[in-house]
Each structure stands twice: as structure tokens, then as C-alpha cells.
Amino acid sequence: MDLELYSADDRFCMKLDQDDALLGSYPVDDGCRIHDSRISSPATGLASAMTNRWGSMMAV
């Protein structure tokens, strides 16, 4: 995955590119969003699979 962190006012903050880092080690505040740039590419075909994966993770 290619994760990016955006602030509450939708400004790019940073790439979340350290595979062994926990989310808490990044400066994530209320209202921030995490975007997977590969999902937005229709050529990957991963959108529905990733949506289901993230949805099940959020439901826990």
C-alpha cells in the first residue's frame, strides 16, 4: 500500500512509509484522513478488496 496522511483541512502532511511503525508514531490528529493512493488508480483493481479489508478493521 502507498499510504498518505492528510490534515483535517485536506492538506497533504506526509507519506506513511515506515512498514514497521505503528500509526501512533505518526502525527495523526482528529479529523485527519489516511489515503491509499493505489486504490484511486482504476488500473489496480484493488478498490473493493481494500474497502472490504478496511471496513472489517474499522468494525472491530
PDB file of N, CA and C in Angstrom:
ATOM      1  N   MET A   1       0.840  -1.179   0.000  1.00  0.00           N
ATOM      2  CA  MET A   1       0.000   0.000   0.000  1.00  0.00           C
ATOM      3  C   MET A   1       0.881   1.237   0.000  1.00  0.00           C
ATOM      4  N   ASP A   2       0.368   2.282  -0.557  1.00  0.00           N
ATOM      5  CA  ASP A   2       1.025   3.581  -0.563  1.00  0.00           C
ATOM      6  C   ASP A   2       0.148   4.537   0.230  1.00  0.00           C
ATOM      7  N   LEU A   3       0.390   4.619   1.540  1.00  0.00           N
ATOM      8  CA  LEU A   3      -0.453   5.418   2.411  1.00  0.00           C
ATOM      9  C   LEU A   3       0.072   6.837   2.548  1.00  0.00           C
ATOM     10  N   GLU A   4      -0.864   7.784   2.565  1.00  0.00           N
ATOM     11  CA  GLU A   4      -0.543   9.192   2.733  1.00  0.00           C
ATOM     12  C   GLU A   4      -1.457   9.759   3.807  1.00  0.00           C
ATOM     13  N   LEU A   5      -0.931  10.689   4.599  1.00  0.00           N
ATOM     14  CA  LEU A   5      -1.695  11.333   5.656  1.00  0.00           C
ATOM     15  C   LEU A   5      -2.079  12.738   5.222  1.00  0.00           C
ATOM     16  N   TYR A   6      -3.378  13.066   5.375  1.00  0.00           N
ATOM     17  CA  TYR A   6      -3.892  14.392   5.043  1.00  0.00           C
ATOM     18  C   TYR A   6      -4.510  15.002   6.295  1.00  0.00           C
ATOM     19  N   SER A   7      -4.343  16.316   6.464  1.00  0.00           N
ATOM     20  CA  SER A   7      -4.871  17.018   7.629  1.00  0.00           C
ATOM     21  C   SER A   7      -6.383  17.173   7.522  1.00  0.00           C
ATOM     22  N   ALA A   8      -6.980  17.715   8.588  1.00  0.00           N
ATOM     23  CA  ALA A   8      -8.432  17.904   8.621  1.00  0.00           C
ATOM     24  C   ALA A   8      -8.903  18.864   7.539  1.00  0.00           C
ATOM     25  N   ASP A   9      -8.038  19.802   7.131  1.00  0.00           N
ATOM     26  CA  ASP A   9      -8.419  20.727   6.055  1.00  0.00           C
ATOM     27  C   ASP A   9      -7.910  20.256   4.699  1.00  0.00           C
ATOM     28  N   ASP A  10      -7.649  18.947   4.594  1.00  0.00           N
ATOM     29  CA  ASP A  10      -7.324  18.250   3.347  1.00  0.00           C
ATOM     30  C   ASP A  10      -5.990  18.673   2.725  1.00  0.00           C
ATOM     31  N   ARG A  11      -5.011  19.018   3.553  1.00  0.00           N
ATOM     32  CA  ARG A  11      -3.659  19.300   3.064  1.00  0.00           C
ATOM     33  C   ARG A  11      -2.795  18.066   3.276  1.00  0.00           C
ATOM     34  N   PHE A  12      -1.952  17.770   2.303  1.00  0.00           N
ATOM     35  CA  PHE A  12      -1.033  16.639   2.405  1.00  0.00           C
ATOM     36  C   PHE A  12      -0.054  16.897   3.546  1.00  0.00           C
ATOM     37  N   CYS A  13       0.128  15.907   4.424  1.00  0.00           N
ATOM     38  CA  CYS A  13       1.066  16.041   5.541  1.00  0.00           C
ATOM     39  C   CYS A  13       2.329  15.221   5.302  1.00  0.00           C
ATOM     40  N   MET A  14       2.167  13.925   5.018  1.00  0.00           N
ATOM     41  CA  MET A  14       3.326  13.064   4.842  1.00  0.00           C
ATOM     42  C   MET A  14       2.913  11.702   4.308  1.00  0.00           C
ATOM     43  N   LYS A  15       3.899  10.975   3.819  1.00  0.00           N
ATOM     44  CA  LYS A  15       3.691   9.581   3.436  1.00  0.00           C
ATOM     45  C   LYS A  15       3.897   8.721   4.679  1.00  0.00           C
ATOM     46  N   LEU A  16       3.062   7.705   4.829  1.00  0.00           N
ATOM     47  CA  LEU A  16       3.209   6.746   5.923  1.00  0.00           C
ATOM     48  C   LEU A  16       3.956   5.549   5.338  1.00  0.00           C
ATOM     49  N   ASP A  17       5.267   5.676   5.280  1.00  0.00           N
ATOM     50  CA  ASP A  17       6.051   4.703   4.522  1.00  0.00           C
ATOM     51  C   ASP A  17       6.978   3.830   5.362  1.00  0.00           C
ATOM     52  N   GLN A  18       6.873   3.897   6.677  1.00  0.00           N
ATOM     53  CA  GLN A  18       7.682   3.023   7.521  1.00  0.00           C
ATOM     54  C   GLN A  18       6.842   1.793   7.870  1.00  0.00           C
ATOM     55  N   ASP A  19       7.152   0.685   7.226  1.00  0.00           N
ATOM     56  CA  ASP A  19       6.328  -0.520   7.363  1.00  0.00           C
ATOM     57  C   ASP A  19       6.262  -1.050   8.791  1.00  0.00           C
ATOM     58  N   ASP A  20       7.306  -0.829   9.576  1.00  0.00           N
ATOM     59  CA  ASP A  20       7.321  -1.375  10.932  1.00  0.00           C
ATOM     60  C   ASP A  20       6.819  -0.388  11.986  1.00  0.00           C
ATOM     61  N   ALA A  21       6.422   0.823  11.580  1.00  0.00           N
ATOM     62  CA  ALA A  21       5.951   1.849  12.517  1.00  0.00           C
ATOM     63  C   ALA A  21       4.460   1.672  12.795  1.00  0.00           C
ATOM     64  N   LEU A  22       4.069   1.957  14.033  1.00  0.00           N
ATOM     65  CA  LEU A  22       2.660   1.945  14.406  1.00  0.00           C
ATOM     66  C   LEU A  22       2.030   3.276  14.030  1.00  0.00           C
ATOM     67  N   LEU A  23       0.721   3.287  13.842  1.00  0.00           N
ATOM     68  CA  LEU A  23       0.025   4.511  13.469  1.00  0.00           C
ATOM     69  C   LEU A  23       0.243   5.608  14.511  1.00  0.00           C
ATOM     70  N   GLY A  24       0.347   5.236  15.774  1.00  0.00           N
ATOM     71  CA  GLY A  24       0.554   6.204  16.844  1.00  0.00           C
ATOM     72  C   GLY A  24       1.892   6.916  16.785  1.00  0.00           C
ATOM     73  N   SER A  25       2.827   6.409  15.999  1.00  0.00           N
ATOM     74  CA  SER A  25       4.126   7.069  15.883  1.00  0.00           C
ATOM     75  C   SER A  25       4.112   8.203  14.865  1.00  0.00           C
ATOM     76  N   TYR A  26       2.997   8.349  14.152  1.00  0.00           N
ATOM     77  CA  TYR A  26       2.836   9.446  13.200  1.00  0.00           C
ATOM     78  C   TYR A  26       1.986  10.546  13.841  1.00  0.00           C
ATOM     79  N   PRO A  27       2.130  11.794  13.392  1.00  0.00           N
ATOM     80  CA  PRO A  27       1.359  12.902  13.978  1.00  0.00           C
ATOM     81  C   PRO A  27      -0.076  12.958  13.448  1.00  0.00           C
ATOM     82  N   VAL A  28      -0.878  11.971  13.814  1.00  0.00           N
ATOM     83  CA  VAL A  28      -2.265  11.898  13.361  1.00  0.00           C
ATOM     84  C   VAL A  28      -3.158  12.577  14.392  1.00  0.00           C
ATOM     85  N   ASP A  29      -3.930  13.569  13.963  1.00  0.00           N
ATOM     86  CA  ASP A  29      -4.848  14.298  14.832  1.00  0.00           C
ATOM     87  C   ASP A  29      -6.286  13.989  14.442  1.00  0.00           C
ATOM     88  N   ASP A  30      -7.220  14.425  15.263  1.00  0.00           N
ATOM     89  CA  ASP A  30      -8.639  14.284  14.933  1.00  0.00           C
ATOM     90  C   ASP A  30      -8.926  14.957  13.605  1.00  0.00           C
ATOM     91  N   GLY A  31      -9.701  14.317  12.794  1.00  0.00           N
ATOM     92  CA  GLY A  31     -10.089  14.874  11.511  1.00  0.00           C
ATOM     93  C   GLY A  31      -9.142  14.539  10.370  1.00  0.00           C
ATOM     94  N   CYS A  32      -7.974  13.975  10.688  1.00  0.00           N
ATOM     95  CA  CYS A  32      -7.040  13.579   9.626  1.00  0.00           C
ATOM     96  C   CYS A  32      -7.601  12.380   8.885  1.00  0.00           C
ATOM     97  N   ARG A  33      -7.123  12.190   7.677  1.00  0.00           N
ATOM     98  CA  ARG A  33      -7.535  11.005   6.923  1.00  0.00           C
ATOM     99  C   ARG A  33      -6.310  10.328   6.341  1.00  0.00           C
ATOM    100  N   ILE A  34      -6.426   9.041   6.153  1.00  0.00           N
ATOM    101  CA  ILE A  34      -5.365   8.250   5.536  1.00  0.00           C
ATOM    102  C   ILE A  34      -5.865   7.821   4.170  1.00  0.00           C
ATOM    103  N   HIS A  35      -5.049   8.063   3.172  1.00  0.00           N
ATOM    104  CA  HIS A  35      -5.430   7.785   1.790  1.00  0.00           C
ATOM    105  C   HIS A  35      -4.458   6.771   1.199  1.00  0.00           C
ATOM    106  N   ASP A  36      -4.981   5.761   0.548  1.00  0.00           N
ATOM    107  CA  ASP A  36      -4.151   4.802  -0.177  1.00  0.00           C
ATOM    108  C   ASP A  36      -4.170   5.208  -1.640  1.00  0.00           C
ATOM    109  N   SER A  37      -3.048   5.722  -2.125  1.00  0.00           N
ATOM    110  CA  SER A  37      -3.009   6.247  -3.487  1.00  0.00           C
ATOM    111  C   SER A  37      -3.171   5.161  -4.538  1.00  0.00           C
ATOM    112  N   ARG A  38      -2.897   3.912  -4.212  1.00  0.00           N
ATOM    113  CA  ARG A  38      -3.100   2.834  -5.189  1.00  0.00           C
ATOM    114  C   ARG A  38      -4.559   2.545  -5.396  1.00  0.00           C
ATOM    115  N   ILE A  39      -5.391   2.737  -4.394  1.00  0.00           N
ATOM    116  CA  ILE A  39      -6.825   2.470  -4.530  1.00  0.00           C
ATOM    117  C   ILE A  39      -7.443   3.389  -5.567  1.00  0.00           C
ATOM    118  N   SER A  40      -6.975   4.621  -5.628  1.00  0.00           N
ATOM    119  CA  SER A  40      -7.586   5.577  -6.542  1.00  0.00           C
ATOM    120  C   SER A  40      -7.237   5.313  -7.999  1.00  0.00           C
ATOM    121  N   SER A  41      -6.345   4.378  -8.248  1.00  0.00           N
ATOM    122  CA  SER A  41      -5.981   4.041  -9.611  1.00  0.00           C
ATOM    123  C   SER A  41      -6.854   2.892 -10.113  1.00  0.00           C
ATOM    124  N   PRO A  42      -7.691   3.119 -11.119  1.00  0.00           N
ATOM    125  CA  PRO A  42      -8.567   2.055 -11.604  1.00  0.00           C
ATOM    126  C   PRO A  42      -7.806   0.879 -12.205  1.00  0.00           C
ATOM    127  N   ALA A  43      -6.543   1.084 -12.560  1.00  0.00           N
ATOM    128  CA  ALA A  43      -5.766   0.009 -13.174  1.00  0.00           C
ATOM    129  C   ALA A  43      -5.410  -1.091 -12.177  1.00  0.00           C
ATOM    130  N   THR A  44      -5.440  -0.796 -10.871  1.00  0.00           N
ATOM    131  CA  THR A  44      -5.037  -1.799  -9.883  1.00  0.00           C
ATOM    132  C   THR A  44      -6.132  -2.809  -9.602  1.00  0.00           C
ATOM    133  N   GLY A  45      -7.396  -2.372  -9.622  1.00  0.00           N
ATOM    134  CA  GLY A  45      -8.492  -3.283  -9.344  1.00  0.00           C
ATOM    135  C   GLY A  45      -8.584  -3.683  -7.892  1.00  0.00           C
ATOM    136  N   LEU A  46      -7.967  -2.922  -6.996  1.00  0.00           N
ATOM    137  CA  LEU A  46      -7.941  -3.274  -5.587  1.00  0.00           C
ATOM    138  C   LEU A  46      -8.985  -2.543  -4.758  1.00  0.00           C
ATOM    139  N   ALA A  47      -9.727  -1.655  -5.341  1.00  0.00           N
ATOM    140  CA  ALA A  47     -10.619  -0.786  -4.569  1.00  0.00           C
ATOM    141  C   ALA A  47     -11.606  -1.562  -3.709  1.00  0.00           C
ATOM    142  N   SER A  48     -12.329  -2.517  -4.277  1.00  0.00           N
ATOM    143  CA  SER A  48     -13.329  -3.225  -3.493  1.00  0.00           C
ATOM    144  C   SER A  48     -12.687  -4.121  -2.445  1.00  0.00           C
ATOM    145  N   ALA A  49     -11.572  -4.756  -2.773  1.00  0.00           N
ATOM    146  CA  ALA A  49     -10.890  -5.617  -1.807  1.00  0.00           C
ATOM    147  C   ALA A  49     -10.374  -4.812  -0.630  1.00  0.00           C
ATOM    148  N   MET A  50      -9.800  -3.654  -0.908  1.00  0.00           N
ATOM    149  CA  MET A  50      -9.266  -2.830   0.170  1.00  0.00           C
ATOM    150  C   MET A  50     -10.380  -2.208   0.992  1.00  0.00           C
ATOM    151  N   THR A  51     -11.471  -1.829   0.353  1.00  0.00           N
ATOM    152  CA  THR A  51     -12.597  -1.269   1.086  1.00  0.00           C
ATOM    153  C   THR A  51     -13.142  -2.303   2.052  1.00  0.00           C
ATOM    154  N   ASN A  52     -13.264  -3.536   1.608  1.00  0.00           N
ATOM    155  CA  ASN A  52     -13.754  -4.594   2.497  1.00  0.00           C
ATOM    156  C   ASN A  52     -12.772  -4.836   3.633  1.00  0.00           C
ATOM    157  N   ARG A  53     -11.487  -4.817   3.352  1.00  0.00           N
ATOM    158  CA  ARG A  53     -10.481  -5.046   4.380  1.00  0.00           C
ATOM    159  C   ARG A  53     -10.510  -3.934   5.417  1.00  0.00           C
ATOM    160  N   TRP A  54     -10.519  -2.668   4.975  1.00  0.00           N
ATOM    161  CA  TRP A  54     -10.546  -1.548   5.905  1.00  0.00           C
ATOM    162  C   TRP A  54     -11.868  -1.508   6.662  1.00  0.00           C
ATOM    163  N   GLY A  55     -12.958  -1.845   6.002  1.00  0.00           N
ATOM    164  CA  GLY A  55     -14.245  -1.849   6.675  1.00  0.00           C
ATOM    165  C   GLY A  55     -14.288  -2.856   7.804  1.00  0.00           C
ATOM    166  N   SER A  56     -13.713  -4.027   7.595  1.00  0.00           N
ATOM    167  CA  SER A  56     -13.707  -5.035   8.657  1.00  0.00           C
ATOM    168  C   SER A  56     -12.775  -4.635   9.779  1.00  0.00           C
ATOM    169  N   MET A  57     -11.697  -3.923   9.472  1.00  0.00           N
ATOM    170  CA  MET A  57     -10.774  -3.472  10.507  1.00  0.00           C
ATOM    171  C   MET A  57     -11.425  -2.380  11.360  1.00  0.00           C
ATOM    172  N   MET A  58     -12.204  -1.518  10.728  1.00  0.00           N
ATOM    173  CA  MET A  58     -12.851  -0.427  11.459  1.00  0.00           C
ATOM    174  C   MET A  58     -13.995  -0.930  12.324  1.00  0.00           C
ATOM    175  N   ALA A  59     -14.614  -2.025  11.940  1.00  0.00           N
ATOM    176  CA  ALA A  59     -15.747  -2.554  12.671  1.00  0.00           C
ATOM    177  C   ALA A  59     -15.329  -3.203  13.975  1.00  0.00           C
ATOM    178  N   VAL A  60     -14.074  -3.564  14.100  1.00  0.00           N
ATOM    179  CA  VAL A  60     -13.587  -4.267  15.305  1.00  0.00           C
ATOM    180  C   VAL A  60     -13.509  -3.353  16.472  1.00  0.00           C
TER     181      VAL A  60
END
